[in-house]
C-alpha atoms as a PDB file:
ATOM      1  CA  UNK A   1       8.927  -8.500  -6.414  1.00  0.00           C
ATOM      2  CA  UNK A   2       8.475 -12.528  -6.431  1.00  0.00           C
ATOM      3  CA  UNK A   3      11.852 -12.605  -3.777  1.00  0.00           C
ATOM      4  CA  UNK A   4       9.920 -10.024  -1.563  1.00  0.00           C
ATOM      5  CA  UNK A   5       6.671 -12.239  -1.428  1.00  0.00           C
ATOM      6  CA  UNK A   6       8.255 -15.330  -1.115  1.00  0.00           C
ATOM      7  CA  UNK A   7      10.188 -13.598   2.224  1.00  0.00           C
ATOM      8  CA  UNK A   8       6.996 -11.933   3.097  1.00  0.00           C
ATOM      9  CA  UNK A   9       5.004 -15.538   3.136  1.00  0.00           C
ATOM     10  CA  UNK A  10       7.759 -17.001   5.413  1.00  0.00           C
ATOM     11  CA  UNK A  11       7.145 -14.106   7.682  1.00  0.00           C
ATOM     12  CA  UNK A  12       3.304 -15.089   7.630  1.00  0.00           C
ATOM     13  CA  UNK A  13       4.040 -18.537   8.345  1.00  0.00           C
ATOM     14  CA  UNK A  14       6.755 -18.803  10.646  1.00  0.00           C
ATOM     15  CA  UNK A  15       6.329 -15.757  13.237  1.00  0.00           C
ATOM     16  CA  UNK A  16       2.909 -16.181  14.384  1.00  0.00           C
ATOM     17  CA  UNK A  17       3.994 -19.880  14.843  1.00  0.00           C
ATOM     18  CA  UNK A  18       7.169 -18.674  16.590  1.00  0.00           C
ATOM     19  CA  UNK A  19       4.962 -16.416  18.894  1.00  0.00           C
ATOM     20  CA  UNK A  20       2.531 -18.993  19.459  1.00  0.00           C
ATOM     21  CA  UNK A  21       5.272 -21.438  20.623  1.00  0.00           C
ATOM     22  CA  UNK A  22       6.611 -18.701  23.135  1.00  0.00           C
ATOM     23  CA  UNK A  23       3.435 -19.585  25.490  1.00  0.00           C
ATOM     24  CA  UNK A  24       3.043 -22.973  24.338  1.00  0.00           C
ATOM     25  CA  UNK A  25       0.869 -24.585  27.273  1.00  0.00           C
ATOM     26  CA  UNK A  26      -0.007 -21.379  29.152  1.00  0.00           C
ATOM     27  CA  UNK A  27      -3.038 -18.714  29.039  1.00  0.00           C
ATOM     28  CA  UNK A  28      -1.659 -15.798  27.271  1.00  0.00           C
ATOM     29  CA  UNK A  29      -4.381 -13.286  29.117  1.00  0.00           C
ATOM     30  CA  UNK A  30      -3.347 -10.712  30.716  1.00  0.00           C
ATOM     31  CA  UNK A  31       0.264 -10.491  30.188  1.00  0.00           C
ATOM     32  CA  UNK A  32       0.540  -7.164  28.212  1.00  0.00           C
ATOM     33  CA  UNK A  33       0.599  -3.215  28.723  1.00  0.00           C
ATOM     34  CA  UNK A  34      -0.848  -0.883  26.570  1.00  0.00           C
ATOM     35  CA  UNK A  35      -4.091  -2.915  25.750  1.00  0.00           C
ATOM     36  CA  UNK A  36      -5.797   0.308  24.289  1.00  0.00           C
ATOM     37  CA  UNK A  37      -3.363  -0.357  21.118  1.00  0.00           C
ATOM     38  CA  UNK A  38      -5.904  -3.899  20.697  1.00  0.00           C
ATOM     39  CA  UNK A  39      -9.329  -1.567  20.623  1.00  0.00           C
ATOM     40  CA  UNK A  40      -9.992  -1.244  16.847  1.00  0.00           C
ATOM     41  CA  UNK A  41     -10.579   2.061  14.956  1.00  0.00           C
ATOM     42  CA  UNK A  42     -13.022   3.113  12.457  1.00  0.00           C
ATOM     43  CA  UNK A  43     -16.768   2.190  12.365  1.00  0.00           C
ATOM     44  CA  UNK A  44     -16.679   1.223   8.804  1.00  0.00           C
ATOM     45  CA  UNK A  45     -13.904  -1.429   9.733  1.00  0.00           C
ATOM     46  CA  UNK A  46     -15.787  -2.496  13.003  1.00  0.00           C
ATOM     47  CA  UNK A  47     -19.102  -3.086  11.207  1.00  0.00           C
ATOM     48  CA  UNK A  48     -17.357  -5.294   8.923  1.00  0.00           C
ATOM     49  CA  UNK A  49     -16.513  -7.773  11.977  1.00  0.00           C
ATOM     50  CA  UNK A  50     -12.742  -6.626  11.940  1.00  0.00           C
ATOM     51  CA  UNK A  51     -12.007  -8.387   8.895  1.00  0.00           C
ATOM     52  CA  UNK A  52     -10.350  -5.052   7.634  1.00  0.00           C
ATOM     53  CA  UNK A  53      -6.394  -5.684   7.183  1.00  0.00           C
ATOM     54  CA  UNK A  54      -7.020  -6.286   2.916  1.00  0.00           C
ATOM     55  CA  UNK A  55      -9.568  -3.844   2.609  1.00  0.00           C
ATOM     56  CA  UNK A  56      -8.380  -1.104   4.529  1.00  0.00           C
ATOM     57  CA  UNK A  57      -8.276   1.918   2.130  1.00  0.00           C
ATOM     58  CA  UNK A  58      -9.274   5.088   4.187  1.00  0.00           C
ATOM     59  CA  UNK A  59      -7.878   6.942   7.030  1.00  0.00           C
ATOM     60  CA  UNK A  60      -8.916   3.931   9.730  1.00  0.00           C
ATOM     61  CA  UNK A  61      -6.025   2.204   7.510  1.00  0.00           C
ATOM     62  CA  UNK A  62      -3.829   3.762   9.654  1.00  0.00           C
ATOM     63  CA  UNK A  63      -4.837   1.586  12.583  1.00  0.00           C
ATOM     64  CA  UNK A  64      -5.426  -1.870  10.265  1.00  0.00           C
ATOM     65  CA  UNK A  65      -2.525  -1.642   7.726  1.00  0.00           C
ATOM     66  CA  UNK A  66      -0.549   1.192   7.116  1.00  0.00           C
ATOM     67  CA  UNK A  67      -0.046   0.151   3.555  1.00  0.00           C
ATOM     68  CA  UNK A  68      -3.657   0.712   2.461  1.00  0.00           C
ATOM     69  CA  UNK A  69      -3.486   4.574   2.465  1.00  0.00           C
ATOM     70  CA  UNK A  70      -1.649   4.544  -0.228  1.00  0.00           C
ATOM     71  CA  UNK A  71      -4.783   3.104  -1.921  1.00  0.00           C
ATOM     72  CA  UNK A  72      -6.846   6.416  -1.579  1.00  0.00           C
ATOM     73  CA  UNK A  73      -5.580   9.107  -4.178  1.00  0.00           C
ATOM     74  CA  UNK A  74      -7.410  12.063  -2.012  1.00  0.00           C
ATOM     75  CA  UNK A  75      -6.147  13.980   1.132  1.00  0.00           C
ATOM     76  CA  UNK A  76      -8.442  12.611   3.733  1.00  0.00           C
ATOM     77  CA  UNK A  77      -9.390  13.619   7.917  1.00  0.00           C
ATOM     78  CA  UNK A  78     -11.157  10.934  10.013  1.00  0.00           C
ATOM     79  CA  UNK A  79     -12.412  11.479  13.737  1.00  0.00           C
ATOM     80  CA  UNK A  80     -13.819   8.827  15.532  1.00  0.00           C
ATOM     81  CA  UNK A  81     -15.635   8.260  18.795  1.00  0.00           C
ATOM     82  CA  UNK A  82     -17.234   5.132  21.162  1.00  0.00           C
ATOM     83  CA  UNK A  83     -18.259   4.896  24.647  1.00  0.00           C
ATOM     84  CA  UNK A  84     -16.306   1.704  25.158  1.00  0.00           C
ATOM     85  CA  UNK A  85     -16.590  -0.300  27.873  1.00  0.00           C
ATOM     86  CA  UNK A  86     -17.148   0.831  31.520  1.00  0.00           C
ATOM     87  CA  UNK A  87     -17.750   4.793  30.838  1.00  0.00           C
ATOM     88  CA  UNK A  88     -14.576   4.638  28.756  1.00  0.00           C
ATOM     89  CA  UNK A  89     -13.854   7.285  25.632  1.00  0.00           C
ATOM     90  CA  UNK A  90     -12.178   5.850  23.285  1.00  0.00           C
ATOM     91  CA  UNK A  91     -11.102   8.622  20.343  1.00  0.00           C
ATOM     92  CA  UNK A  92      -9.404   8.697  17.064  1.00  0.00           C
ATOM     93  CA  UNK A  93      -8.172  11.029  14.429  1.00  0.00           C
ATOM     94  CA  UNK A  94      -6.295  10.650  11.352  1.00  0.00           C
ATOM     95  CA  UNK A  95      -4.573  12.591   8.364  1.00  0.00           C
ATOM     96  CA  UNK A  96      -3.247  11.070   5.398  1.00  0.00           C
ATOM     97  CA  UNK A  97      -1.880  12.976   2.414  1.00  0.00           C
ATOM     98  CA  UNK A  98      -0.938  11.195  -1.316  1.00  0.00           C
ATOM     99  CA  UNK A  99       2.307  13.213  -2.206  1.00  0.00           C
ATOM    100  CA  UNK A 100       2.027  11.848  -6.218  1.00  0.00           C
ATOM    101  CA  UNK A 101       5.300   9.557  -6.836  1.00  0.00           C
ATOM    102  CA  UNK A 102       6.827   9.781  -3.466  1.00  0.00           C
ATOM    103  CA  UNK A 103       3.851   8.220  -1.389  1.00  0.00           C
ATOM    104  CA  UNK A 104       1.773   9.107   1.153  1.00  0.00           C
ATOM    105  CA  UNK A 105       2.117  10.433   4.984  1.00  0.00           C
ATOM    106  CA  UNK A 106      -0.111  10.006   7.338  1.00  0.00           C
ATOM    107  CA  UNK A 107      -0.500  11.008  10.909  1.00  0.00           C
ATOM    108  CA  UNK A 108      -2.683   9.903  13.842  1.00  0.00           C
ATOM    109  CA  UNK A 109      -3.690  10.522  17.782  1.00  0.00           C
ATOM    110  CA  UNK A 110      -5.718   7.230  19.507  1.00  0.00           C
ATOM    111  CA  UNK A 111      -6.629   8.611  23.264  1.00  0.00           C
ATOM    112  CA  UNK A 112      -8.328   6.479  25.887  1.00  0.00           C
ATOM    113  CA  UNK A 113      -9.874   8.435  28.831  1.00  0.00           C
ATOM    114  CA  UNK A 114     -12.016   8.362  31.656  1.00  0.00           C
ATOM    115  CA  UNK A 115     -13.962  10.437  34.220  1.00  0.00           C
ATOM    116  CA  UNK A 116     -12.074  10.791  37.505  1.00  0.00           C
ATOM    117  CA  UNK A 117     -12.091   8.358  40.774  1.00  0.00           C
ATOM    118  CA  UNK A 118     -11.794   8.943  44.291  1.00  0.00           C
ATOM    119  CA  UNK A 119      -8.825   7.831  45.986  1.00  0.00           C
ATOM    120  CA  UNK A 120      -9.463   4.998  48.474  1.00  0.00           C
ATOM    121  CA  UNK A 121      -7.392   3.466  51.143  1.00  0.00           C
ATOM    122  CA  UNK A 122      -7.785   0.780  53.575  1.00  0.00           C
ATOM    123  CA  UNK A 123      -8.936   3.094  56.323  1.00  0.00           C
ATOM    124  CA  UNK A 124     -11.125   5.080  54.053  1.00  0.00           C
ATOM    125  CA  UNK A 125     -12.716   2.817  51.571  1.00  0.00           C
ATOM    126  CA  UNK A 126     -15.192   5.525  50.985  1.00  0.00           C
ATOM    127  CA  UNK A 127     -12.741   7.767  49.521  1.00  0.00           C
ATOM    128  CA  UNK A 128     -10.401  10.197  51.048  1.00  0.00           C
ATOM    129  CA  UNK A 129     -11.596  13.370  49.355  1.00  0.00           C
ATOM    130  CA  UNK A 130      -8.746  13.276  46.323  1.00  0.00           C
ATOM    131  CA  UNK A 131      -9.312  12.194  42.916  1.00  0.00           C
ATOM    132  CA  UNK A 132      -7.275  10.477  40.179  1.00  0.00           C
ATOM    133  CA  UNK A 133      -7.054   9.943  36.988  1.00  0.00           C
ATOM    134  CA  UNK A 134      -5.865   7.284  34.191  1.00  0.00           C
ATOM    135  CA  UNK A 135      -5.568   7.688  30.753  1.00  0.00           C
ATOM    136  CA  UNK A 136      -3.817   6.323  27.281  1.00  0.00           C
ATOM    137  CA  UNK A 137      -2.291   7.938  24.367  1.00  0.00           C
ATOM    138  CA  UNK A 138      -0.768   7.070  21.063  1.00  0.00           C
ATOM    139  CA  UNK A 139       0.729   9.425  18.630  1.00  0.00           C
ATOM    140  CA  UNK A 140       2.337   8.359  15.403  1.00  0.00           C
ATOM    141  CA  UNK A 141       3.335   9.154  11.716  1.00  0.00           C
ATOM    142  CA  UNK A 142       3.019   6.836   9.064  1.00  0.00           C
ATOM    143  CA  UNK A 143       4.272   6.389   5.065  1.00  0.00           C
ATOM    144  CA  UNK A 144       3.093   4.355   2.699  1.00  0.00           C
ATOM    145  CA  UNK A 145       3.926   3.864  -1.146  1.00  0.00           C
ATOM    146  CA  UNK A 146       2.782   1.682  -4.367  1.00  0.00           C
ATOM    147  CA  UNK A 147       6.059  -0.429  -5.266  1.00  0.00           C
ATOM    148  CA  UNK A 148       3.901  -1.601  -8.351  1.00  0.00           C
ATOM    149  CA  UNK A 149       0.465  -1.000  -9.645  1.00  0.00           C
ATOM    150  CA  UNK A 150      -0.716  -3.771  -7.579  1.00  0.00           C
ATOM    151  CA  UNK A 151       1.806  -4.249  -4.636  1.00  0.00           C
ATOM    152  CA  UNK A 152       2.170  -1.280  -1.773  1.00  0.00           C
ATOM    153  CA  UNK A 153       3.806  -1.253   1.470  1.00  0.00           C
ATOM    154  CA  UNK A 154       3.602   1.038   4.280  1.00  0.00           C
ATOM    155  CA  UNK A 155       4.551   1.582   8.228  1.00  0.00           C
ATOM    156  CA  UNK A 156       3.856   3.485  11.194  1.00  0.00           C
ATOM    157  CA  UNK A 157       6.129   4.586  13.891  1.00  0.00           C
ATOM    158  CA  UNK A 158       4.822   5.498  17.181  1.00  0.00           C
ATOM    159  CA  UNK A 159       5.076   6.714  20.745  1.00  0.00           C
ATOM    160  CA  UNK A 160       2.652   5.462  23.332  1.00  0.00           C
ATOM    161  CA  UNK A 161       2.059   6.358  27.114  1.00  0.00           C
ATOM    162  CA  UNK A 162      -0.100   5.477  29.595  1.00  0.00           C
ATOM    163  CA  UNK A 163      -0.956   7.264  32.977  1.00  0.00           C
ATOM    164  CA  UNK A 164      -2.692   6.144  36.196  1.00  0.00           C
ATOM    165  CA  UNK A 165      -2.426   8.553  39.177  1.00  0.00           C
ATOM    166  CA  UNK A 166       1.380   9.262  39.386  1.00  0.00           C
ATOM    167  CA  UNK A 167       2.800   6.572  37.460  1.00  0.00           C
ATOM    168  CA  UNK A 168       3.454   6.861  33.917  1.00  0.00           C
ATOM    169  CA  UNK A 169       4.527   3.892  31.449  1.00  0.00           C
ATOM    170  CA  UNK A 170       5.902   4.801  27.720  1.00  0.00           C
ATOM    171  CA  UNK A 171       7.775   3.563  25.014  1.00  0.00           C
ATOM    172  CA  UNK A 172       7.499   3.569  21.148  1.00  0.00           C
ATOM    173  CA  UNK A 173       6.537   1.220  18.260  1.00  0.00           C
ATOM    174  CA  UNK A 174       6.260   0.094  14.589  1.00  0.00           C
ATOM    175  CA  UNK A 175       3.630  -0.866  12.604  1.00  0.00           C
ATOM    176  CA  UNK A 176       3.948  -2.539   9.016  1.00  0.00           C
ATOM    177  CA  UNK A 177       1.841  -3.582   6.579  1.00  0.00           C
ATOM    178  CA  UNK A 178       1.610  -4.649   2.997  1.00  0.00           C
ATOM    179  CA  UNK A 179      -1.306  -5.282   0.458  1.00  0.00           C
ATOM    180  CA  UNK A 180      -1.182  -6.967  -2.894  1.00  0.00           C
ATOM    181  CA  UNK A 181      -4.135  -6.872  -5.525  1.00  0.00           C
ATOM    182  CA  UNK A 182      -3.851 -10.271  -7.204  1.00  0.00           C
ATOM    183  CA  UNK A 183      -5.173 -10.838 -10.927  1.00  0.00           C
ATOM    184  CA  UNK A 184      -7.994 -12.931  -9.880  1.00  0.00           C
ATOM    185  CA  UNK A 185     -11.187 -10.583  -9.855  1.00  0.00           C
ATOM    186  CA  UNK A 186      -9.004  -8.055  -8.379  1.00  0.00           C
ATOM    187  CA  UNK A 187      -9.035 -10.283  -4.928  1.00  0.00           C
ATOM    188  CA  UNK A 188      -6.995  -8.254  -2.075  1.00  0.00           C
ATOM    189  CA  UNK A 189      -4.379 -10.172   0.038  1.00  0.00           C
ATOM    190  CA  UNK A 190      -3.223  -8.131   3.237  1.00  0.00           C
ATOM    191  CA  UNK A 191      -0.746  -8.730   6.028  1.00  0.00           C
ATOM    192  CA  UNK A 192       0.076  -6.298   8.988  1.00  0.00           C
ATOM    193  CA  UNK A 193       2.171  -6.595  11.914  1.00  0.00           C
ATOM    194  CA  UNK A 194       1.215  -3.922  15.164  1.00  0.00           C
ATOM    195  CA  UNK A 195       2.794  -3.219  18.250  1.00  0.00           C
ATOM    196  CA  UNK A 196       6.155  -4.251  17.514  1.00  0.00           C
ATOM    197  CA  UNK A 197       8.503  -2.408  20.214  1.00  0.00           C
ATOM    198  CA  UNK A 198       9.579  -2.099  23.461  1.00  0.00           C
ATOM    199  CA  UNK A 199       7.992  -2.889  26.761  1.00  0.00           C
ATOM    200  CA  UNK A 200       6.216  -0.787  29.221  1.00  0.00           C
ATOM    201  CA  UNK A 201       7.018  -0.174  32.818  1.00  0.00           C
ATOM    202  CA  UNK A 202       5.463   2.256  35.399  1.00  0.00           C
ATOM    203  CA  UNK A 203       7.278   4.445  37.110  1.00  0.00           C
ATOM    204  CA  UNK A 204       6.909   7.597  39.379  1.00  0.00           C
ATOM    205  CA  UNK A 205       6.628   9.170  42.914  1.00  0.00           C
ATOM    206  CA  UNK A 206       3.621   5.994  44.073  1.00  0.00           C
ATOM    207  CA  UNK A 207       6.772   3.643  44.168  1.00  0.00           C
ATOM    208  CA  UNK A 208       8.650   5.856  46.711  1.00  0.00           C
ATOM    209  CA  UNK A 209       9.153   4.246  50.232  1.00  0.00           C
ATOM    210  CA  UNK A 210      10.932   4.513  53.390  1.00  0.00           C
ATOM    211  CA  UNK A 211      13.186   2.194  54.178  1.00  0.00           C
ATOM    212  CA  UNK A 212      15.744   0.877  56.804  1.00  0.00           C
ATOM    213  CA  UNK A 213      19.050  -0.687  55.495  1.00  0.00           C
ATOM    214  CA  UNK A 214      19.968  -1.996  58.630  1.00  0.00           C
ATOM    215  CA  UNK A 215      17.113  -2.325  60.864  1.00  0.00           C
ATOM    216  CA  UNK A 216      19.292  -4.489  63.282  1.00  0.00           C
ATOM    217  CA  UNK A 217      21.348  -1.547  63.955  1.00  0.00           C
ATOM    218  CA  UNK A 218      20.891   1.216  66.899  1.00  0.00           C
ATOM    219  CA  UNK A 219      21.588   4.710  65.399  1.00  0.00           C
ATOM    220  CA  UNK A 220      21.121   4.318  61.992  1.00  0.00           C
ATOM    221  CA  UNK A 221      18.879   5.998  59.758  1.00  0.00           C
ATOM    222  CA  UNK A 222      15.748   4.042  59.517  1.00  0.00           C
ATOM    223  CA  UNK A 223      13.854   6.505  56.900  1.00  0.00           C
ATOM    224  CA  UNK A 224      16.430   6.619  53.893  1.00  0.00           C
ATOM    225  CA  UNK A 225      13.844   7.085  50.648  1.00  0.00           C
ATOM    226  CA  UNK A 226      14.030   4.039  48.095  1.00  0.00           C
ATOM    227  CA  UNK A 227      11.878   2.924  45.050  1.00  0.00           C
ATOM    228  CA  UNK A 228       9.944  -0.544  44.458  1.00  0.00           C
ATOM    229  CA  UNK A 229      10.918  -2.071  41.133  1.00  0.00           C
ATOM    230  CA  UNK A 230       7.926  -2.594  39.094  1.00  0.00           C
ATOM    231  CA  UNK A 231       7.890  -5.168  36.257  1.00  0.00           C
ATOM    232  CA  UNK A 232       8.121  -4.872  32.375  1.00  0.00           C
ATOM    233  CA  UNK A 233       5.320  -5.871  29.999  1.00  0.00           C
ATOM    234  CA  UNK A 234       5.425  -6.326  26.832  1.00  0.00           C
ATOM    235  CA  UNK A 235       2.955  -4.645  23.578  1.00  0.00           C
ATOM    236  CA  UNK A 236       0.267  -6.494  22.025  1.00  0.00           C
ATOM    237  CA  UNK A 237       1.632  -7.680  19.298  1.00  0.00           C
ATOM    238  CA  UNK A 238      -0.980  -8.542  16.640  1.00  0.00           C
ATOM    239  CA  UNK A 239      -0.111 -10.327  13.489  1.00  0.00           C
ATOM    240  CA  UNK A 240      -3.248 -10.094  10.698  1.00  0.00           C
ATOM    241  CA  UNK A 241      -3.679 -11.849   7.692  1.00  0.00           C
ATOM    242  CA  UNK A 242      -6.683 -11.176   5.224  1.00  0.00           C
ATOM    243  CA  UNK A 243      -8.140 -11.861   2.113  1.00  0.00           C
ATOM    244  CA  UNK A 244     -11.037  -9.481   0.775  1.00  0.00           C
ATOM    245  CA  UNK A 245     -12.993  -9.528  -3.073  1.00  0.00           C
ATOM    246  CA  UNK A 246     -15.481  -8.152  -4.621  1.00  0.00           C
ATOM    247  CA  UNK A 247     -18.528 -10.856  -5.039  1.00  0.00           C
ATOM    248  CA  UNK A 248     -19.949  -8.548  -7.598  1.00  0.00           C
ATOM    249  CA  UNK A 249     -19.146  -5.008  -9.073  1.00  0.00           C
ATOM    250  CA  UNK A 250     -21.626  -2.887 -11.122  1.00  0.00           C
ATOM    251  CA  UNK A 251     -21.704   0.572 -12.055  1.00  0.00           C
ATOM    252  CA  UNK A 252     -24.010   1.579  -8.994  1.00  0.00           C
ATOM    253  CA  UNK A 253     -23.962  -2.020  -6.838  1.00  0.00           C
ATOM    254  CA  UNK A 254     -20.853  -3.754  -5.131  1.00  0.00           C
ATOM    255  CA  UNK A 255     -20.721  -6.497  -2.614  1.00  0.00           C
ATOM    256  CA  UNK A 256     -17.522  -6.916  -1.018  1.00  0.00           C
ATOM    257  CA  UNK A 257     -16.958  -9.884   1.367  1.00  0.00           C
ATOM    258  CA  UNK A 258     -13.477 -10.395   3.616  1.00  0.00           C
ATOM    259  CA  UNK A 259     -11.767 -12.805   6.555  1.00  0.00           C
ATOM    260  CA  UNK A 260      -9.146 -12.074   8.469  1.00  0.00           C
ATOM    261  CA  UNK A 261      -6.813 -14.235  10.606  1.00  0.00           C
ATOM    262  CA  UNK A 262      -5.199 -12.836  13.335  1.00  0.00           C
ATOM    263  CA  UNK A 263      -2.666 -13.954  16.077  1.00  0.00           C
ATOM    264  CA  UNK A 264      -2.188 -11.566  18.953  1.00  0.00           C
ATOM    265  CA  UNK A 265       0.506 -12.718  21.442  1.00  0.00           C
ATOM    266  CA  UNK A 266      -1.719 -12.119  24.436  1.00  0.00           C
ATOM    267  CA  UNK A 267      -4.478 -14.597  23.444  1.00  0.00           C
ATOM    268  CA  UNK A 268      -5.299 -17.402  20.886  1.00  0.00           C
ATOM    269  CA  UNK A 269      -5.924 -17.196  17.443  1.00  0.00           C
ATOM    270  CA  UNK A 270      -9.430 -16.561  15.693  1.00  0.00           C
ATOM    271  CA  UNK A 271     -10.752 -15.229  12.513  1.00  0.00           C
ATOM    272  CA  UNK A 272     -13.137 -12.240  11.711  1.00  0.00           C
ATOM    273  CA  UNK A 273     -15.492 -12.280   8.751  1.00  0.00           C
ATOM    274  CA  UNK A 274     -17.594  -9.399   7.311  1.00  0.00           C
ATOM    275  CA  UNK A 275     -18.999  -7.924   4.184  1.00  0.00           C
ATOM    276  CA  UNK A 276     -20.040  -4.424   3.043  1.00  0.00           C
ATOM    277  CA  UNK A 277     -22.685  -3.525   0.182  1.00  0.00           C
ATOM    278  CA  UNK A 278     -22.236  -0.061  -1.118  1.00  0.00           C
ATOM    279  CA  UNK A 279     -25.106   1.266  -3.739  1.00  0.00           C
ATOM    280  CA  UNK A 280     -24.231   4.032  -5.757  1.00  0.00           C
ATOM    281  CA  UNK A 281     -21.291   5.107  -4.305  1.00  0.00           C
ATOM    282  CA  UNK A 282     -24.274   6.600  -1.479  1.00  0.00           C
ATOM    283  CA  UNK A 283     -25.171   4.257   0.809  1.00  0.00           C
ATOM    284  CA  UNK A 284     -23.339   1.232   2.780  1.00  0.00           C
ATOM    285  CA  UNK A 285     -24.582  -1.732   4.754  1.00  0.00           C
ATOM    286  CA  UNK A 286     -22.343  -3.915   6.690  1.00  0.00           C
ATOM    287  CA  UNK A 287     -22.350  -6.697   8.752  1.00  0.00           C
ATOM    288  CA  UNK A 288     -19.822  -9.258  10.148  1.00  0.00           C
ATOM    289  CA  UNK A 289     -19.004 -11.190  13.190  1.00  0.00           C
ATOM    290  CA  UNK A 290     -15.518 -11.442  15.100  1.00  0.00           C
ATOM    291  CA  UNK A 291     -13.432 -13.645  17.208  1.00  0.00           C
ATOM    292  CA  UNK A 292     -14.530 -17.135  15.266  1.00  0.00           C
ATOM    293  CA  UNK A 293     -13.173 -19.981  17.190  1.00  0.00           C
ATOM    294  CA  UNK A 294     -12.055 -17.559  20.062  1.00  0.00           C
ATOM    295  CA  UNK A 295     -12.941 -19.719  23.365  1.00  0.00           C
ATOM    296  CA  UNK A 296     -15.078 -17.431  26.034  1.00  0.00           C
ATOM    297  CA  UNK A 297     -15.222 -14.585  23.731  1.00  0.00           C
ATOM    298  CA  UNK A 298     -17.977 -12.082  24.393  1.00  0.00           C
ATOM    299  CA  UNK A 299     -17.547 -10.611  21.352  1.00  0.00           C
ATOM    300  CA  UNK A 300     -19.615 -11.683  18.322  1.00  0.00           C
ATOM    301  CA  UNK A 301     -22.314  -9.944  15.863  1.00  0.00           C
ATOM    302  CA  UNK A 302     -21.244  -6.712  14.208  1.00  0.00           C
ATOM    303  CA  UNK A 303     -23.682  -4.341  12.096  1.00  0.00           C
ATOM    304  CA  UNK A 304     -23.101  -0.952  10.545  1.00  0.00           C
ATOM    305  CA  UNK A 305     -24.158   1.639   8.200  1.00  0.00           C
ATOM    306  CA  UNK A 306     -22.834   4.495   5.995  1.00  0.00           C
ATOM    307  CA  UNK A 307     -23.267   7.592   4.030  1.00  0.00           C
ATOM    308  CA  UNK A 308     -21.402   9.734   1.960  1.00  0.00           C
ATOM    309  CA  UNK A 309     -22.490  12.454  -0.107  1.00  0.00           C
ATOM    310  CA  UNK A 310     -20.507  15.168  -2.090  1.00  0.00           C
ATOM    311  CA  UNK A 311     -18.776  18.348  -0.237  1.00  0.00           C
ATOM    312  CA  UNK A 312     -18.731  21.503  -2.020  1.00  0.00           C
ATOM    313  CA  UNK A 313     -16.986  20.559  -5.658  1.00  0.00           C
ATOM    314  CA  UNK A 314     -14.388  18.458  -5.402  1.00  0.00           C
ATOM    315  CA  UNK A 315     -14.478  16.459  -1.695  1.00  0.00           C
ATOM    316  CA  UNK A 316     -16.525  14.414   0.146  1.00  0.00           C
ATOM    317  CA  UNK A 317     -17.837  13.652   3.224  1.00  0.00           C
ATOM    318  CA  UNK A 318     -18.757  10.150   5.115  1.00  0.00           C
ATOM    319  CA  UNK A 319     -20.565   9.138   8.100  1.00  0.00           C
ATOM    320  CA  UNK A 320     -20.203   5.754   9.637  1.00  0.00           C
ATOM    321  CA  UNK A 321     -21.702   3.907  12.343  1.00  0.00           C
ATOM    322  CA  UNK A 322     -21.198   0.554  13.625  1.00  0.00           C
ATOM    323  CA  UNK A 323     -22.358  -1.748  16.166  1.00  0.00           C
ATOM    324  CA  UNK A 324     -20.712  -4.208  18.236  1.00  0.00           C
ATOM    325  CA  UNK A 325     -22.557  -7.393  20.551  1.00  0.00           C
ATOM    326  CA  UNK A 326     -20.323  -8.020  23.662  1.00  0.00           C
ATOM    327  CA  UNK A 327     -22.590 -10.725  25.324  1.00  0.00           C
ATOM    328  CA  UNK A 328     -22.486  -9.983  28.956  1.00  0.00           C
ATOM    329  CA  UNK A 329     -21.012  -6.696  28.420  1.00  0.00           C
ATOM    330  CA  UNK A 330     -23.781  -5.632  26.364  1.00  0.00           C
ATOM    331  CA  UNK A 331     -22.258  -3.856  23.440  1.00  0.00           C
ATOM    332  CA  UNK A 332     -20.219  -1.006  21.960  1.00  0.00           C
ATOM    333  CA  UNK A 333     -21.092   1.807  19.388  1.00  0.00           C
ATOM    334  CA  UNK A 334     -18.802   4.018  17.300  1.00  0.00           C
ATOM    335  CA  UNK A 335     -19.531   6.899  14.783  1.00  0.00           C
ATOM    336  CA  UNK A 336     -17.038   8.144  12.459  1.00  0.00           C
ATOM    337  CA  UNK A 337     -16.715  11.102  10.369  1.00  0.00           C
ATOM    338  CA  UNK A 338     -14.472  11.318   7.294  1.00  0.00           C
ATOM    339  CA  UNK A 339     -13.497  14.210   5.086  1.00  0.00           C
ATOM    340  CA  UNK A 340     -12.270  13.982   1.660  1.00  0.00           C
ATOM    341  CA  UNK A 341     -10.872  16.843   0.046  1.00  0.00           C
END
């Protein structure tokens, strides 16, 4: 365990610095594909300002830190929906199933959809009567296990696809996460790497063109079919390192604070901070602040609440809501429903 923790510490210190060095002196914005993978999941986590990599212990841990699903001993399923910016619909569904000493398995689907849009051309700027659509999807399987009563590790394997009109890009990726409960007031340390995988490259019939390979020669075929070459783009690789701790914990009252350091490969590093107050395992109030120290960020204050109640005899159901300020882009609200059984 000590050797593993030392290796983990090296990864936490070295890998983000390596990623930063690859783009030293350059703007990293707009260099990745599959950017929907950076949209955070779960109203509870988002209401806490995205400071959730150490605290992740519900189904949304499938996104934040897959090792967190090992911290929940109940079977659970989550459905989450938000109307993202520019009339984009963002949806997540996940399930986790504890299997005792074997570990915990999970599965999830993340999708981004939007209304159909009109096809426009240079000569028909108002539309030519044809419609096109765009969508993104990620489908994954997860496994996590407690190696000790204080330490857990988990990973996701996922398929990613983006589509626009007749063009498609797809690849596979892995997520890896760990969580460690310390002896100091049960403080949690969490670390995750998200979207470690292959590049994405659009392909489809829209790249097909007619080409004359010898325009200066008489009598050759000037309508040879060819395909334009599209460029490959990396996935949005994200490193998260976080700390969470209960400031106080009594029979009916718990206050948790958390802070995450985030190092993406397509932006500069920043911090997320947040807190959660829970009364009698019934009502939760949450608040946070996102992207601290990130220049020109439109994100900031987050707020939210949660309510949970018993379901039948052995289960329970939880409703969560989050509000996130997006500055000039107004706000994003998310609703989540989680059933424990």
